[in-house]
């Protein structure tokens, strides 16, 4: 008896009810593709785990942390306080102020204190009822002194974070929430492994590479699920990270980048002059490449497998050629993204160079700008080369795995024609 025709709407994912069951040959191709993926990724995964175990920092304070503690008096806290009254005072050509504040938390909660506010603080707008952050320093004689530390930003930042999470959850649903969990894991690795490892004097190259690989293994599968597409993207991302590391190391060495180009690195130098600041430039290249590499590789992997589902008979060469047509457009737009992202982050620095009116060649080759330029170029090269690698890997795995349902190509095409004929 012939099967009852199905009148449901076709979907791009899931098995085709009209297609015949997978043949033994198709199942064998699938198993072979899975084994090839495992042979490629399992050693990398094991190396990442071993690297995490070997390089994981201990609980002892690093030399930089020990020195930094001497810059801050022991027992210093940073309580919130509410501005009760404000009296503005002339401060040269600007305006300073004296504020009476109520301490809202900590040992001195409920106390009223008088603090001086500098001109730049008053210029940013301080009014009665505002919440600010104080520094509370306990003196050796038992006295306590208070000073302005910063503006309180907890509420707007929490609200913005909640809105961000809600928007991601509503629009991307479970996949978006999984991405947020992956983002939390990424920050855990950065804060608990990468940053302490760098301060502990470990190789910045190894620490950043191992940490980034661990992040990608978890984030990609968590956000996109366990599938051939995700595995394809992971292979391309790991290739890109390795390429960024190699190119970054060579470029930093050839260009003789010291890494001492900002107030932050100069401060770190006073805390621990033994840190590898050139290595920190390489680590910055690797960490900066995480997001953009992930974006490009997951897009390429998805494009390849979508093309394969549309036409399972398409061979490796055609899959690669059509996938690269998508990849070239993505490369063009992402290169702009990288350059403008770095330009935006370095905008105050670029304004200073504009004020000084230095020759363009001198400006571009100065240590401060050269570091950003080389970081941008290294990331761009890795991005561009990761695209054809991801495309080739995806086309190879898709071809080896056979059709999406295991049917022979001609059977699959016949079933699709019959569906659309209805």
Protein backbone atom coordinates (compact mmCIF):
# COMPACT_ATOMS: atom_id res chain seq x y z
CA UNK A 1 0.00 0.00 0.00
CA UNK A 2 1.41 3.38 -0.93
CA UNK A 3 2.25 5.76 1.85
CA UNK A 4 -0.20 8.55 2.60
CA UNK A 5 1.12 11.82 1.21
CA UNK A 6 2.23 14.34 3.76
CA UNK A 7 0.90 17.90 3.48
CA UNK A 8 3.10 19.52 6.13
CA UNK A 9 5.36 22.44 5.38
CA UNK A 10 8.95 21.61 4.53
CA UNK A 11 11.64 22.55 7.03
CA UNK A 12 15.34 23.12 6.42
CA UNK A 13 16.43 21.00 9.37
CA UNK A 14 15.62 17.50 10.49
CA UNK A 15 15.08 14.32 8.47
CA UNK A 16 13.04 14.30 5.32
CA UNK A 17 9.97 12.07 5.85
CA UNK A 18 9.78 11.35 2.13
CA UNK A 19 13.41 10.28 1.78
CA UNK A 20 14.41 6.64 2.12
CA UNK A 21 16.27 5.58 5.27
CA UNK A 22 20.05 5.94 5.36
CA UNK A 23 21.88 3.31 3.42
CA UNK A 24 24.74 1.34 5.00
CA UNK A 25 27.14 3.24 2.75
CA UNK A 26 25.76 6.61 3.92
CA UNK A 27 25.98 5.59 7.57
CA UNK A 28 29.55 4.48 7.00
CA UNK A 29 30.38 7.87 5.46
CA UNK A 30 28.85 9.64 8.46
CA UNK A 31 30.84 7.54 10.91
CA UNK A 32 34.01 8.18 8.92
CA UNK A 33 33.40 11.95 9.01
CA UNK A 34 32.82 11.84 12.77
CA UNK A 35 35.99 9.84 13.31
CA UNK A 36 37.99 12.27 11.18
CA UNK A 37 36.67 15.17 13.26
CA UNK A 38 37.54 13.36 16.48
CA UNK A 39 41.02 12.50 15.24
CA UNK A 40 41.54 16.20 14.56
CA UNK A 41 39.99 17.75 17.66
CA UNK A 42 40.59 15.24 20.45
CA UNK A 43 44.38 15.77 20.50
CA UNK A 44 43.84 19.54 20.51
CA UNK A 45 41.30 19.23 23.30
CA UNK A 46 43.62 17.05 25.38
CA UNK A 47 46.49 19.49 24.83
CA UNK A 48 44.23 22.33 25.98
CA UNK A 49 43.24 20.48 29.16
CA UNK A 50 46.87 19.61 29.90
CA UNK A 51 47.85 23.23 29.31
CA UNK A 52 45.15 24.43 31.73
CA UNK A 53 46.36 22.02 34.41
CA UNK A 54 50.07 22.78 33.97
CA UNK A 55 49.73 26.56 33.61
CA UNK A 56 46.90 27.14 36.10
CA UNK A 57 48.13 29.84 38.53
CA UNK A 58 48.47 29.16 42.23
CA UNK A 59 46.87 31.04 45.11
CA UNK A 60 50.02 32.90 46.15
CA UNK A 61 50.07 36.63 45.30
CA UNK A 62 52.21 37.40 42.27
CA UNK A 63 55.17 39.81 42.56
CA UNK A 64 53.13 42.54 40.85
CA UNK A 65 50.25 42.04 43.27
CA UNK A 66 52.57 42.14 46.26
CA UNK A 67 54.10 45.43 45.14
CA UNK A 68 50.70 46.91 44.23
CA UNK A 69 49.47 46.24 47.76
CA UNK A 70 52.15 48.58 49.11
CA UNK A 71 50.71 51.44 47.01
CA UNK A 72 47.38 51.22 48.83
CA UNK A 73 47.24 51.62 52.61
CA UNK A 74 46.04 48.45 54.34
CA UNK A 75 42.38 48.45 55.26
CA UNK A 76 41.36 50.82 52.47
CA UNK A 77 37.73 50.38 51.42
CA UNK A 78 35.51 52.04 48.83
CA UNK A 79 32.02 52.66 50.27
CA UNK A 80 29.14 54.35 48.48
CA UNK A 81 27.99 57.70 49.82
CA UNK A 82 25.08 60.07 49.14
CA UNK A 83 25.71 63.77 48.56
CA UNK A 84 23.75 65.70 51.21
CA UNK A 85 24.91 69.23 50.44
CA UNK A 86 27.23 70.85 47.94
CA UNK A 87 29.06 74.17 48.10
CA UNK A 88 30.83 75.33 44.96
CA UNK A 89 34.09 77.26 45.28
CA UNK A 90 36.25 79.12 42.76
CA UNK A 91 39.25 77.05 41.68
CA UNK A 92 41.30 79.25 39.36
CA UNK A 93 39.34 79.54 36.13
CA UNK A 94 37.30 76.43 36.99
CA UNK A 95 34.92 75.50 39.81
CA UNK A 96 35.67 73.11 42.67
CA UNK A 97 33.29 72.10 45.46
CA UNK A 98 33.08 70.90 49.04
CA UNK A 99 30.45 68.22 49.63
CA UNK A 100 28.91 66.81 52.78
CA UNK A 101 28.12 63.16 52.20
CA UNK A 102 26.42 60.37 54.13
CA UNK A 103 28.33 57.09 54.10
CA UNK A 104 25.92 54.35 53.01
CA UNK A 105 27.89 51.16 53.70
CA UNK A 106 30.86 49.69 55.49
CA UNK A 107 32.22 50.45 58.94
CA UNK A 108 31.31 54.13 58.79
CA UNK A 109 27.75 53.65 57.53
CA UNK A 110 25.52 56.50 58.70
CA UNK A 111 28.40 58.91 59.32
CA UNK A 112 28.48 62.33 57.69
CA UNK A 113 31.78 63.36 56.14
CA UNK A 114 33.12 66.37 54.28
CA UNK A 115 35.04 65.71 51.06
CA UNK A 116 36.64 68.01 48.50
CA UNK A 117 35.69 67.62 44.84
CA UNK A 118 38.12 68.58 42.11
CA UNK A 119 37.17 70.75 39.15
CA UNK A 120 36.89 67.83 36.70
CA UNK A 121 34.47 66.10 39.07
CA UNK A 122 32.26 69.16 39.36
CA UNK A 123 32.40 69.68 35.58
CA UNK A 124 30.91 66.20 35.08
CA UNK A 125 27.87 67.21 37.09
CA UNK A 126 27.44 66.51 40.81
CA UNK A 127 24.21 67.39 42.59
CA UNK A 128 22.60 66.81 45.94
CA UNK A 129 21.18 63.30 46.18
CA UNK A 130 23.78 61.79 43.83
CA UNK A 131 25.63 58.64 44.89
CA UNK A 132 29.42 58.67 44.67
CA UNK A 133 32.19 56.25 45.65
CA UNK A 134 34.60 57.26 48.42
CA UNK A 135 37.98 55.95 49.43
CA UNK A 136 38.11 55.25 53.17
CA UNK A 137 41.66 55.08 54.56
CA UNK A 138 42.29 54.06 58.16
CA UNK A 139 45.25 55.95 59.61
CA UNK A 140 47.92 54.50 61.89
CA UNK A 141 46.69 56.68 64.77
CA UNK A 142 43.19 55.24 64.56
CA UNK A 143 41.76 58.11 62.57
CA UNK A 144 39.91 57.74 59.29
CA UNK A 145 40.08 59.93 56.18
CA UNK A 146 37.67 60.02 53.27
CA UNK A 147 38.19 61.20 49.69
CA UNK A 148 36.35 61.14 46.37
CA UNK A 149 37.18 57.99 44.38
CA UNK A 150 34.71 57.81 41.49
CA UNK A 151 31.12 58.19 40.40
CA UNK A 152 28.75 55.35 41.31
CA UNK A 153 27.73 53.50 38.17
CA UNK A 154 26.35 50.24 39.54
CA UNK A 155 22.68 50.97 38.81
CA UNK A 156 22.98 52.04 35.14
CA UNK A 157 25.41 49.21 34.39
CA UNK A 158 23.19 46.58 36.01
CA UNK A 159 20.12 47.91 34.21
CA UNK A 160 21.94 47.90 30.87
CA UNK A 161 23.22 44.36 31.48
CA UNK A 162 19.71 43.15 32.31
CA UNK A 163 18.27 44.82 29.20
CA UNK A 164 21.04 43.23 27.11
CA UNK A 165 20.31 39.77 28.54
CA UNK A 166 16.55 40.17 28.02
CA UNK A 167 16.96 41.37 24.42
CA UNK A 168 19.32 38.50 23.61
CA UNK A 169 16.98 35.99 25.25
CA UNK A 170 13.86 37.29 23.50
CA UNK A 171 15.39 37.53 20.04
CA UNK A 172 17.78 34.55 20.05
CA UNK A 173 15.85 32.50 22.66
CA UNK A 174 17.64 29.46 24.08
CA UNK A 175 20.61 29.86 21.77
CA UNK A 176 21.05 33.45 22.92
CA UNK A 177 20.85 32.44 26.58
CA UNK A 178 23.40 29.71 25.92
CA UNK A 179 25.67 32.32 24.36
CA UNK A 180 25.38 34.42 27.53
CA UNK A 181 26.38 31.41 29.62
CA UNK A 182 29.32 30.90 27.28
CA UNK A 183 30.27 34.55 27.70
CA UNK A 184 30.25 34.11 31.47
CA UNK A 185 32.56 31.09 31.08
CA UNK A 186 34.87 33.14 28.85
CA UNK A 187 35.19 35.82 31.53
CA UNK A 188 35.82 33.13 34.13
CA UNK A 189 38.74 31.78 32.09
CA UNK A 190 40.11 35.27 31.48
CA UNK A 191 39.87 36.34 35.12
CA UNK A 192 40.90 33.07 36.76
CA UNK A 193 43.45 31.71 34.29
CA UNK A 194 44.70 34.14 31.64
CA UNK A 195 45.22 37.30 33.70
CA UNK A 196 46.70 35.55 36.79
CA UNK A 197 48.87 33.42 34.51
CA UNK A 198 50.25 36.50 32.79
CA UNK A 199 50.98 38.17 36.14
CA UNK A 200 52.63 34.99 37.41
CA UNK A 201 55.28 35.26 34.72
CA UNK A 202 54.14 32.34 32.56
CA UNK A 203 54.64 32.53 28.81
CA UNK A 204 52.05 35.05 27.54
CA UNK A 205 51.87 33.18 24.25
CA UNK A 206 51.06 29.80 25.82
CA UNK A 207 48.69 31.23 28.42
CA UNK A 208 46.66 33.23 25.90
CA UNK A 209 46.58 30.39 23.36
CA UNK A 210 45.52 27.73 25.88
CA UNK A 211 42.94 30.02 27.48
CA UNK A 212 41.50 31.08 24.12
CA UNK A 213 41.27 27.47 22.92
CA UNK A 214 39.45 26.47 26.12
CA UNK A 215 37.02 29.34 25.66
CA UNK A 216 36.29 28.39 22.05
CA UNK A 217 35.73 24.69 22.83
CA UNK A 218 33.05 25.56 25.37
CA UNK A 219 31.52 28.70 23.86
CA UNK A 220 31.03 27.35 20.34
CA UNK A 221 29.40 24.06 21.35
CA UNK A 222 27.33 25.75 24.06
CA UNK A 223 25.97 28.45 21.77
CA UNK A 224 25.60 26.42 18.57
CA UNK A 225 25.19 22.84 19.76
CA UNK A 226 27.11 19.66 18.99
CA UNK A 227 27.02 19.37 15.21
CA UNK A 228 29.24 19.07 12.19
CA UNK A 229 28.75 22.78 11.52
CA UNK A 230 30.00 23.75 14.95
CA UNK A 231 32.95 21.38 14.66
CA UNK A 232 33.82 22.88 11.29
CA UNK A 233 33.74 26.38 12.80
CA UNK A 234 35.86 25.21 15.74
CA UNK A 235 38.53 23.81 13.43
CA UNK A 236 38.67 27.09 11.53
CA UNK A 237 38.78 29.15 14.73
CA UNK A 238 41.60 27.08 16.24
CA UNK A 239 43.54 27.44 13.00
CA UNK A 240 43.01 31.21 13.14
CA UNK A 241 44.16 31.41 16.76
CA UNK A 242 47.31 29.43 16.00
CA UNK A 243 47.99 31.68 13.02
CA UNK A 244 47.47 34.83 15.10
CA UNK A 245 49.94 33.49 17.67
CA UNK A 246 52.64 32.71 15.11
CA UNK A 247 52.20 35.91 13.12
CA UNK A 248 51.99 37.98 16.30
CA UNK A 249 55.22 36.51 17.68
CA UNK A 250 57.09 37.08 14.42
CA UNK A 251 55.72 40.61 13.95
CA UNK A 252 56.45 41.70 17.52
CA UNK A 253 60.01 40.42 17.23
CA UNK A 254 60.73 41.92 13.81
CA UNK A 255 59.09 45.28 14.63
CA UNK A 256 60.78 45.34 18.07
CA UNK A 257 57.62 46.22 19.93
CA UNK A 258 58.34 46.71 23.61
CA UNK A 259 54.72 46.78 24.77
CA UNK A 260 55.45 49.80 26.98
CA UNK A 261 53.17 52.23 25.18
CA UNK A 262 50.56 53.22 27.76
CA UNK A 263 50.18 54.39 31.33
CA UNK A 264 48.89 50.95 32.29
CA UNK A 265 51.94 49.06 31.01
CA UNK A 266 54.25 51.65 32.56
CA UNK A 267 52.49 51.13 35.89
CA UNK A 268 52.85 47.36 35.52
CA UNK A 269 56.55 47.89 34.86
CA UNK A 270 56.91 49.58 38.25
CA UNK A 271 55.07 46.66 39.88
CA UNK A 272 57.06 43.88 38.20
CA UNK A 273 59.81 44.73 35.69
CA UNK A 274 60.33 41.02 34.94
CA UNK A 275 57.03 40.70 33.06
CA UNK A 276 57.29 39.95 29.34
CA UNK A 277 55.68 43.08 27.92
CA UNK A 278 56.39 42.14 24.30
CA UNK A 279 54.63 38.86 25.03
CA UNK A 280 51.67 40.81 26.35
CA UNK A 281 51.29 42.35 22.90
CA UNK A 282 51.06 38.84 21.42
CA UNK A 283 48.55 37.82 24.09
CA UNK A 284 46.48 40.89 23.24
CA UNK A 285 46.44 39.86 19.58
CA UNK A 286 45.19 36.37 20.46
CA UNK A 287 42.46 37.52 22.83
CA UNK A 288 41.34 40.28 20.46
CA UNK A 289 40.99 37.73 17.66
CA UNK A 290 38.56 35.50 19.56
CA UNK A 291 35.33 37.26 18.72
CA UNK A 292 35.92 38.14 15.10
CA UNK A 293 37.35 34.70 14.24
CA UNK A 294 34.35 33.03 15.83
CA UNK A 295 31.99 35.25 13.85
CA UNK A 296 33.62 34.48 10.51
CA UNK A 297 34.11 30.74 11.00
CA UNK A 298 30.60 30.01 12.27
CA UNK A 299 29.15 31.94 9.32
CA UNK A 300 31.27 30.02 6.84
CA UNK A 301 30.48 26.66 8.42
CA UNK A 302 26.76 27.41 8.38
CA UNK A 303 26.93 28.51 4.73
CA UNK A 304 28.69 25.31 3.67
CA UNK A 305 26.27 22.97 5.42
CA UNK A 306 23.24 24.93 4.20
CA UNK A 307 24.53 24.61 0.64
CA UNK A 308 25.05 20.91 1.20
CA UNK A 309 21.48 20.47 2.43
CA UNK A 310 20.07 22.36 -0.55
CA UNK A 311 22.05 20.26 -3.03
CA UNK A 312 23.50 17.07 -1.49
CA UNK A 313 24.89 16.08 -4.89
CA UNK A 314 27.26 19.05 -4.93
CA UNK A 315 30.88 17.95 -4.84
CA UNK A 316 33.72 19.28 -2.72
CA UNK A 317 34.97 21.68 -5.38
CA UNK A 318 31.54 23.27 -5.97
CA UNK A 319 30.83 23.48 -2.24
CA UNK A 320 34.13 25.25 -1.68
CA UNK A 321 33.63 27.63 -4.60
CA UNK A 322 30.11 28.64 -3.56
CA UNK A 323 31.08 28.88 0.10
CA UNK A 324 33.96 31.20 -0.72
CA UNK A 325 31.57 33.45 -2.64
CA UNK A 326 29.86 34.05 0.70
CA UNK A 327 33.17 34.22 2.53
CA UNK A 328 34.59 36.97 0.33
CA UNK A 329 31.67 39.25 1.13
CA UNK A 330 32.07 38.49 4.81
CA UNK A 331 35.80 39.16 4.69
CA UNK A 332 35.25 42.55 3.06
CA UNK A 333 32.82 43.70 5.75
CA UNK A 334 34.73 42.21 8.70
CA UNK A 335 38.02 43.83 7.71
CA UNK A 336 36.29 47.19 8.04
CA UNK A 337 34.97 46.10 11.42
CA UNK A 338 38.44 45.26 12.76
CA UNK A 339 40.03 48.50 11.56
CA UNK A 340 37.24 50.75 12.79
CA UNK A 341 37.06 48.96 16.14
CA UNK A 342 40.75 49.62 16.78
CA UNK A 343 40.46 53.19 15.46
CA UNK A 344 37.56 53.86 17.81
CA UNK A 345 39.44 52.48 20.80
CA UNK A 346 42.50 54.60 19.96
CA UNK A 347 40.55 57.76 19.07
CA UNK A 348 41.99 59.96 21.89
CA UNK A 349 45.49 58.90 20.86
CA UNK A 350 44.77 59.77 17.22
CA UNK A 351 43.49 63.18 18.31
CA UNK A 352 46.76 63.82 20.13
CA UNK A 353 48.76 63.00 17.02
CA UNK A 354 46.50 65.34 15.03
CA UNK A 355 47.23 68.11 17.52
CA UNK A 356 50.98 67.54 17.32
CA UNK A 357 50.80 67.59 13.50
CA UNK A 358 53.55 65.02 13.11
CA UNK A 359 54.34 63.54 9.68
CA UNK A 360 52.08 60.61 8.84
CA UNK A 361 54.99 58.20 8.40
CA UNK A 362 56.44 59.12 11.76
CA UNK A 363 53.07 58.73 13.43
CA UNK A 364 52.29 55.32 11.92
CA UNK A 365 55.67 53.85 12.78
CA UNK A 366 55.80 55.20 16.33
CA UNK A 367 55.68 52.50 19.00
CA UNK A 368 52.23 53.50 20.23
CA UNK A 369 50.50 53.41 16.83
CA UNK A 370 52.63 50.61 15.39
CA UNK A 371 51.45 48.28 18.14
CA UNK A 372 47.81 48.86 17.18
CA UNK A 373 48.54 48.70 13.46
CA UNK A 374 50.41 45.41 13.76
CA UNK A 375 47.69 43.96 15.99
CA UNK A 376 45.11 44.94 13.37
CA UNK A 377 47.10 43.51 10.48
CA UNK A 378 47.85 40.24 12.29
CA UNK A 379 44.18 39.81 13.16
CA UNK A 380 43.17 40.67 9.59
CA UNK A 381 45.57 38.15 8.03
CA UNK A 382 44.35 35.40 10.37
CA UNK A 383 40.75 36.31 9.64
CA UNK A 384 41.23 36.21 5.87
CA UNK A 385 43.12 32.90 5.90
CA UNK A 386 40.73 31.26 8.37
CA UNK A 387 37.90 31.76 5.88
CA UNK A 388 39.17 29.44 3.10
CA UNK A 389 40.41 26.93 5.69
CA UNK A 390 37.00 26.76 7.36
CA UNK A 391 35.31 26.55 3.97
CA UNK A 392 37.58 23.72 2.83
CA UNK A 393 37.13 21.79 6.08
CA UNK A 394 33.36 22.18 5.94
CA UNK A 395 33.19 21.11 2.29
CA UNK A 396 35.39 18.10 3.02
CA UNK A 397 33.36 16.90 6.02
CA UNK A 398 30.06 17.53 4.26
CA UNK A 399 31.19 15.55 1.21
CA UNK A 400 32.59 12.70 3.29
CA UNK A 401 29.46 12.52 5.43
CA UNK A 402 27.27 12.10 2.38
CA UNK A 403 23.73 13.51 2.19
CA UNK A 404 21.87 14.95 5.15
CA UNK A 405 19.50 11.99 5.30
CA UNK A 406 21.82 9.30 4.09
CA UNK A 407 20.00 8.89 0.80
CA UNK A 408 21.82 8.78 -2.47
CA UNK A 409 21.93 12.17 -4.20
CA UNK A 410 19.59 11.17 -7.00
CA UNK A 411 17.08 9.79 -4.46
CA UNK A 412 17.24 12.99 -2.44
CA UNK A 413 16.66 15.16 -5.51
CA UNK A 414 13.73 12.99 -6.61
CA UNK A 415 12.14 13.31 -3.18
CA UNK A 416 12.55 17.10 -3.25
CA UNK A 417 11.00 17.30 -6.72
CA UNK A 418 8.07 15.17 -5.59
CA UNK A 419 7.53 17.40 -2.53
CA UNK A 420 7.50 20.64 -4.52
CA UNK A 421 5.28 19.06 -7.21
CA UNK A 422 2.62 18.60 -4.51
